[in-house]
PDB file of N, CA and C in Angstrom:
ATOM      1  N   UNK A   1     115.959  49.272  52.148  1.00  0.00           N
ATOM      2  CA  UNK A   1     114.570  49.134  52.207  1.00  0.00           C
ATOM      3  C   UNK A   1     113.791  49.228  50.891  1.00  0.00           C
ATOM      4  N   UNK A   2     114.211  49.984  49.889  1.00  0.00           N
ATOM      5  CA  UNK A   2     113.758  50.051  48.825  1.00  0.00           C
ATOM      6  C   UNK A   2     113.792  48.791  47.963  1.00  0.00           C
ATOM      7  N   UNK A   3     115.156  48.116  48.204  1.00  0.00           N
ATOM      8  CA  UNK A   3     115.269  46.824  47.572  1.00  0.00           C
ATOM      9  C   UNK A   3     114.351  45.824  47.954  1.00  0.00           C
ATOM     10  N   UNK A   4     114.036  45.728  49.098  1.00  0.00           N
ATOM     11  CA  UNK A   4     112.990  44.719  49.690  1.00  0.00           C
ATOM     12  C   UNK A   4     111.653  45.127  49.250  1.00  0.00           C
ATOM     13  N   UNK A   5     111.276  46.401  49.145  1.00  0.00           N
ATOM     14  CA  UNK A   5     109.971  46.613  48.687  1.00  0.00           C
ATOM     15  C   UNK A   5     110.030  46.326  47.225  1.00  0.00           C
ATOM     16  N   UNK A   6     110.877  46.798  46.521  1.00  0.00           N
ATOM     17  CA  UNK A   6     111.020  46.243  44.960  1.00  0.00           C
ATOM     18  C   UNK A   6     110.704  44.713  44.701  1.00  0.00           C
ATOM     19  N   UNK A   7     111.505  44.167  45.637  1.00  0.00           N
ATOM     20  CA  UNK A   7     111.499  42.622  45.450  1.00  0.00           C
ATOM     21  C   UNK A   7     110.266  42.149  45.713  1.00  0.00           C
ATOM     22  N   UNK A   8     109.550  42.641  47.053  1.00  0.00           N
ATOM     23  CA  UNK A   8     108.193  42.229  47.265  1.00  0.00           C
ATOM     24  C   UNK A   8     107.231  42.494  46.179  1.00  0.00           C
ATOM     25  N   UNK A   9     107.391  43.581  45.473  1.00  0.00           N
ATOM     26  CA  UNK A   9     106.401  44.319  44.438  1.00  0.00           C
ATOM     27  C   UNK A   9     106.563  43.285  43.158  1.00  0.00           C
ATOM     28  N   UNK A  10     107.676  42.881  42.887  1.00  0.00           N
ATOM     29  CA  UNK A  10     107.942  41.864  41.771  1.00  0.00           C
ATOM     30  C   UNK A  10     107.227  40.615  42.061  1.00  0.00           C
ATOM     31  N   UNK A  11     107.378  40.247  43.473  1.00  0.00           N
ATOM     32  CA  UNK A  11     106.866  38.680  43.672  1.00  0.00           C
ATOM     33  C   UNK A  11     105.331  38.951  43.544  1.00  0.00           C
ATOM     34  N   UNK A  12     104.709  40.107  44.072  1.00  0.00           N
ATOM     35  CA  UNK A  12     103.372  40.366  44.193  1.00  0.00           C
ATOM     36  C   UNK A  12     102.768  40.396  42.530  1.00  0.00           C
ATOM     37  N   UNK A  13     103.396  40.848  41.802  1.00  0.00           N
ATOM     38  CA  UNK A  13     103.193  40.987  40.144  1.00  0.00           C
ATOM     39  C   UNK A  13     103.154  39.771  39.610  1.00  0.00           C
ATOM     40  N   UNK A  14     104.068  38.725  39.869  1.00  0.00           N
ATOM     41  CA  UNK A  14     104.249  37.401  39.288  1.00  0.00           C
ATOM     42  C   UNK A  14     103.429  36.522  39.939  1.00  0.00           C
ATOM     43  N   UNK A  15     103.172  36.511  41.312  1.00  0.00           N
ATOM     44  CA  UNK A  15     102.466  35.486  42.121  1.00  0.00           C
ATOM     45  C   UNK A  15     100.968  35.524  42.097  1.00  0.00           C
ATOM     46  N   UNK A  16     100.413  36.986  41.907  1.00  0.00           N
ATOM     47  CA  UNK A  16      99.031  37.107  42.173  1.00  0.00           C
ATOM     48  C   UNK A  16      98.194  36.410  41.111  1.00  0.00           C
ATOM     49  N   UNK A  17      98.771  35.914  40.033  1.00  0.00           N
ATOM     50  CA  UNK A  17      98.290  35.123  38.753  1.00  0.00           C
ATOM     51  C   UNK A  17      97.866  33.828  39.371  1.00  0.00           C
ATOM     52  N   UNK A  18      98.689  33.338  40.601  1.00  0.00           N
ATOM     53  CA  UNK A  18      98.700  32.027  40.967  1.00  0.00           C
ATOM     54  C   UNK A  18      97.780  31.917  42.397  1.00  0.00           C
ATOM     55  N   UNK A  19      97.110  32.939  42.444  1.00  0.00           N
ATOM     56  CA  UNK A  19      96.456  33.246  43.812  1.00  0.00           C
ATOM     57  C   UNK A  19      97.242  33.390  45.023  1.00  0.00           C
ATOM     58  N   UNK A  20      98.584  33.957  45.174  1.00  0.00           N
ATOM     59  CA  UNK A  20      99.483  33.923  45.995  1.00  0.00           C
ATOM     60  C   UNK A  20      99.402  35.378  46.272  1.00  0.00           C
ATOM     61  N   UNK A  21      99.242  35.811  47.629  1.00  0.00           N
ATOM     62  CA  UNK A  21      99.273  37.301  47.841  1.00  0.00           C
ATOM     63  C   UNK A  21     100.544  37.483  48.583  1.00  0.00           C
ATOM     64  N   UNK A  22     101.281  38.524  48.043  1.00  0.00           N
ATOM     65  CA  UNK A  22     102.497  39.283  48.519  1.00  0.00           C
ATOM     66  C   UNK A  22     102.298  40.663  48.905  1.00  0.00           C
ATOM     67  N   UNK A  23     102.520  41.056  49.920  1.00  0.00           N
ATOM     68  CA  UNK A  23     102.113  42.729  50.354  1.00  0.00           C
ATOM     69  C   UNK A  23     103.305  43.192  51.069  1.00  0.00           C
ATOM     70  N   UNK A  24     103.294  44.507  51.208  1.00  0.00           N
ATOM     71  CA  UNK A  24     104.266  45.133  51.808  1.00  0.00           C
ATOM     72  C   UNK A  24     103.728  46.131  52.729  1.00  0.00           C
ATOM     73  N   UNK A  25     104.169  46.319  54.088  1.00  0.00           N
ATOM     74  CA  UNK A  25     103.694  47.121  55.128  1.00  0.00           C
ATOM     75  C   UNK A  25     105.069  47.915  55.677  1.00  0.00           C
ATOM     76  N   UNK A  26     105.098  49.280  55.023  1.00  0.00           N
ATOM     77  CA  UNK A  26     106.242  50.258  55.613  1.00  0.00           C
ATOM     78  C   UNK A  26     105.822  50.629  57.052  1.00  0.00           C
ATOM     79  N   UNK A  27     106.779  50.329  57.968  1.00  0.00           N
ATOM     80  CA  UNK A  27     106.619  50.670  59.423  1.00  0.00           C
ATOM     81  C   UNK A  27     107.459  51.868  59.648  1.00  0.00           C
ATOM     82  N   UNK A  28     106.855  53.263  59.884  1.00  0.00           N
ATOM     83  CA  UNK A  28     107.589  54.390  60.026  1.00  0.00           C
ATOM     84  C   UNK A  28     107.674  55.008  61.502  1.00  0.00           C
ATOM     85  N   UNK A  29     107.585  54.187  62.512  1.00  0.00           N
ATOM     86  CA  UNK A  29     107.576  54.702  63.884  1.00  0.00           C
ATOM     87  C   UNK A  29     108.212  53.515  64.668  1.00  0.00           C
ATOM     88  N   UNK A  30     108.714  53.726  65.776  1.00  0.00           N
ATOM     89  CA  UNK A  30     109.493  52.713  66.788  1.00  0.00           C
ATOM     90  C   UNK A  30     108.382  51.759  67.268  1.00  0.00           C
ATOM     91  N   UNK A  31     108.654  50.606  67.146  1.00  0.00           N
ATOM     92  CA  UNK A  31     107.902  49.499  67.592  1.00  0.00           C
ATOM     93  C   UNK A  31     108.036  49.179  68.940  1.00  0.00           C
ATOM     94  N   UNK A  32     106.907  49.701  69.769  1.00  0.00           N
ATOM     95  CA  UNK A  32     107.131  49.448  71.390  1.00  0.00           C
ATOM     96  C   UNK A  32     105.674  49.421  71.846  1.00  0.00           C
ATOM     97  N   UNK A  33     105.556  48.420  72.800  1.00  0.00           N
ATOM     98  CA  UNK A  33     104.221  48.420  73.504  1.00  0.00           C
ATOM     99  C   UNK A  33     103.768  49.721  73.950  1.00  0.00           C
ATOM    100  N   UNK A  34     102.369  50.047  73.966  1.00  0.00           N
ATOM    101  CA  UNK A  34     101.641  50.924  74.600  1.00  0.00           C
ATOM    102  C   UNK A  34     102.091  52.145  73.995  1.00  0.00           C
ATOM    103  N   UNK A  35     102.511  52.356  72.662  1.00  0.00           N
ATOM    104  CA  UNK A  35     103.055  53.603  72.122  1.00  0.00           C
ATOM    105  C   UNK A  35     102.015  53.445  70.656  1.00  0.00           C
ATOM    106  N   UNK A  36     102.463  54.509  69.923  1.00  0.00           N
ATOM    107  CA  UNK A  36     101.811  54.492  68.511  1.00  0.00           C
ATOM    108  C   UNK A  36     102.244  53.126  67.738  1.00  0.00           C
ATOM    109  N   UNK A  37     103.564  52.740  67.902  1.00  0.00           N
ATOM    110  CA  UNK A  37     103.946  51.563  67.444  1.00  0.00           C
ATOM    111  C   UNK A  37     103.786  50.302  68.038  1.00  0.00           C
ATOM    112  N   UNK A  38     102.742  50.186  68.736  1.00  0.00           N
ATOM    113  CA  UNK A  38     102.276  48.963  69.385  1.00  0.00           C
ATOM    114  C   UNK A  38     102.291  47.882  68.633  1.00  0.00           C
ATOM    115  N   UNK A  39     103.016  46.627  68.801  1.00  0.00           N
ATOM    116  CA  UNK A  39     103.097  45.645  67.971  1.00  0.00           C
ATOM    117  C   UNK A  39     101.666  44.897  67.520  1.00  0.00           C
ATOM    118  N   UNK A  40     100.720  44.999  68.527  1.00  0.00           N
ATOM    119  CA  UNK A  40      99.517  44.739  68.317  1.00  0.00           C
ATOM    120  C   UNK A  40      98.667  45.470  67.276  1.00  0.00           C
ATOM    121  N   UNK A  41      98.795  46.850  67.345  1.00  0.00           N
ATOM    122  CA  UNK A  41      98.211  47.802  66.228  1.00  0.00           C
ATOM    123  C   UNK A  41      98.933  47.249  65.030  1.00  0.00           C
ATOM    124  N   UNK A  42     100.193  46.975  64.689  1.00  0.00           N
ATOM    125  CA  UNK A  42     100.712  46.761  63.575  1.00  0.00           C
ATOM    126  C   UNK A  42     100.324  45.517  63.115  1.00  0.00           C
ATOM    127  N   UNK A  43     100.092  44.436  63.844  1.00  0.00           N
ATOM    128  CA  UNK A  43      99.690  43.243  63.482  1.00  0.00           C
ATOM    129  C   UNK A  43      98.220  43.191  62.952  1.00  0.00           C
ATOM    130  N   UNK A  44      97.323  44.231  63.700  1.00  0.00           N
ATOM    131  CA  UNK A  44      96.116  44.361  63.192  1.00  0.00           C
ATOM    132  C   UNK A  44      96.011  44.875  61.559  1.00  0.00           C
ATOM    133  N   UNK A  45      96.775  45.825  61.585  1.00  0.00           N
ATOM    134  CA  UNK A  45      96.974  46.575  60.145  1.00  0.00           C
ATOM    135  C   UNK A  45      97.497  45.329  59.088  1.00  0.00           C
ATOM    136  N   UNK A  46      98.399  44.805  59.554  1.00  0.00           N
ATOM    137  CA  UNK A  46      98.853  43.576  58.552  1.00  0.00           C
ATOM    138  C   UNK A  46      97.882  42.609  58.163  1.00  0.00           C
ATOM    139  N   UNK A  47      97.237  42.207  59.290  1.00  0.00           N
ATOM    140  CA  UNK A  47      96.233  41.132  58.989  1.00  0.00           C
ATOM    141  C   UNK A  47      95.054  41.692  58.137  1.00  0.00           C
ATOM    142  N   UNK A  48      94.582  43.002  58.334  1.00  0.00           N
ATOM    143  CA  UNK A  48      93.349  43.477  57.567  1.00  0.00           C
ATOM    144  C   UNK A  48      94.056  43.657  56.278  1.00  0.00           C
ATOM    145  N   UNK A  49      95.413  44.052  55.812  1.00  0.00           N
ATOM    146  CA  UNK A  49      95.823  44.238  54.577  1.00  0.00           C
ATOM    147  C   UNK A  49      95.741  42.633  53.935  1.00  0.00           C
ATOM    148  N   UNK A  50      96.191  41.708  54.674  1.00  0.00           N
ATOM    149  CA  UNK A  50      96.330  40.311  54.240  1.00  0.00           C
ATOM    150  C   UNK A  50      94.747  39.821  53.732  1.00  0.00           C
ATOM    151  N   UNK A  51      93.961  39.731  54.814  1.00  0.00           N
ATOM    152  CA  UNK A  51      92.673  39.378  54.579  1.00  0.00           C
ATOM    153  C   UNK A  51      91.979  40.079  53.447  1.00  0.00           C
ATOM    154  N   UNK A  52      92.029  41.263  53.372  1.00  0.00           N
ATOM    155  CA  UNK A  52      91.131  41.921  52.202  1.00  0.00           C
ATOM    156  C   UNK A  52      91.971  41.874  50.727  1.00  0.00           C
ATOM    157  N   UNK A  53      93.328  41.870  50.820  1.00  0.00           N
ATOM    158  CA  UNK A  53      94.038  41.511  49.537  1.00  0.00           C
ATOM    159  C   UNK A  53      93.660  42.513  48.559  1.00  0.00           C
ATOM    160  N   UNK A  54      93.497  43.805  48.841  1.00  0.00           N
ATOM    161  CA  UNK A  54      92.985  44.660  47.928  1.00  0.00           C
ATOM    162  C   UNK A  54      94.152  45.654  47.341  1.00  0.00           C
ATOM    163  N   UNK A  55      95.124  45.794  48.246  1.00  0.00           N
ATOM    164  CA  UNK A  55      96.337  46.406  47.808  1.00  0.00           C
ATOM    165  C   UNK A  55      97.686  45.959  48.201  1.00  0.00           C
ATOM    166  N   UNK A  56      98.680  46.234  47.493  1.00  0.00           N
ATOM    167  CA  UNK A  56     100.076  45.618  47.767  1.00  0.00           C
ATOM    168  C   UNK A  56     100.708  46.135  48.913  1.00  0.00           C
ATOM    169  N   UNK A  57     100.385  47.424  49.201  1.00  0.00           N
ATOM    170  CA  UNK A  57     101.332  48.352  50.090  1.00  0.00           C
ATOM    171  C   UNK A  57     100.441  49.166  50.986  1.00  0.00           C
ATOM    172  N   UNK A  58     100.884  49.367  52.121  1.00  0.00           N
ATOM    173  CA  UNK A  58     100.374  50.159  53.152  1.00  0.00           C
ATOM    174  C   UNK A  58     101.590  50.731  53.970  1.00  0.00           C
ATOM    175  N   UNK A  59     101.245  51.811  54.710  1.00  0.00           N
ATOM    176  CA  UNK A  59     101.968  52.736  55.577  1.00  0.00           C
ATOM    177  C   UNK A  59     101.607  52.637  56.953  1.00  0.00           C
ATOM    178  N   UNK A  60     102.288  52.400  57.782  1.00  0.00           N
ATOM    179  CA  UNK A  60     101.953  52.630  59.306  1.00  0.00           C
ATOM    180  C   UNK A  60     102.973  53.482  60.035  1.00  0.00           C
ATOM    181  N   UNK A  61     102.468  54.371  60.736  1.00  0.00           N
ATOM    182  CA  UNK A  61     101.024  54.746  61.062  1.00  0.00           C
ATOM    183  C   UNK A  61     100.650  55.431  59.606  1.00  0.00           C
ATOM    184  N   UNK A  62      99.340  55.400  59.609  1.00  0.00           N
ATOM    185  CA  UNK A  62      98.588  55.950  58.343  1.00  0.00           C
ATOM    186  C   UNK A  62      98.118  57.444  58.992  1.00  0.00           C
ATOM    187  N   UNK A  63      99.025  58.617  58.595  1.00  0.00           N
ATOM    188  CA  UNK A  63      98.799  59.814  59.145  1.00  0.00           C
ATOM    189  C   UNK A  63      97.825  60.692  58.493  1.00  0.00           C
ATOM    190  N   UNK A  64      97.027  60.252  57.550  1.00  0.00           N
ATOM    191  CA  UNK A  64      96.283  60.802  57.032  1.00  0.00           C
ATOM    192  C   UNK A  64      94.939  61.149  57.410  1.00  0.00           C
TER     193      UNK A  64
END
């Protein structure tokens, strides 16, 4: 997992100058409908991360 994250971070750093967004979403729960890890909830977080492009990385669920 850390290798994929670091690869994505390097891509993000290189490609952002070209206007290409690369982001990473760490999922720390079981993905299953009608639970905390509902795929629709995860998709919403990922879409919001992509559409805002304010940050490279997010964690789901965000238990803060």
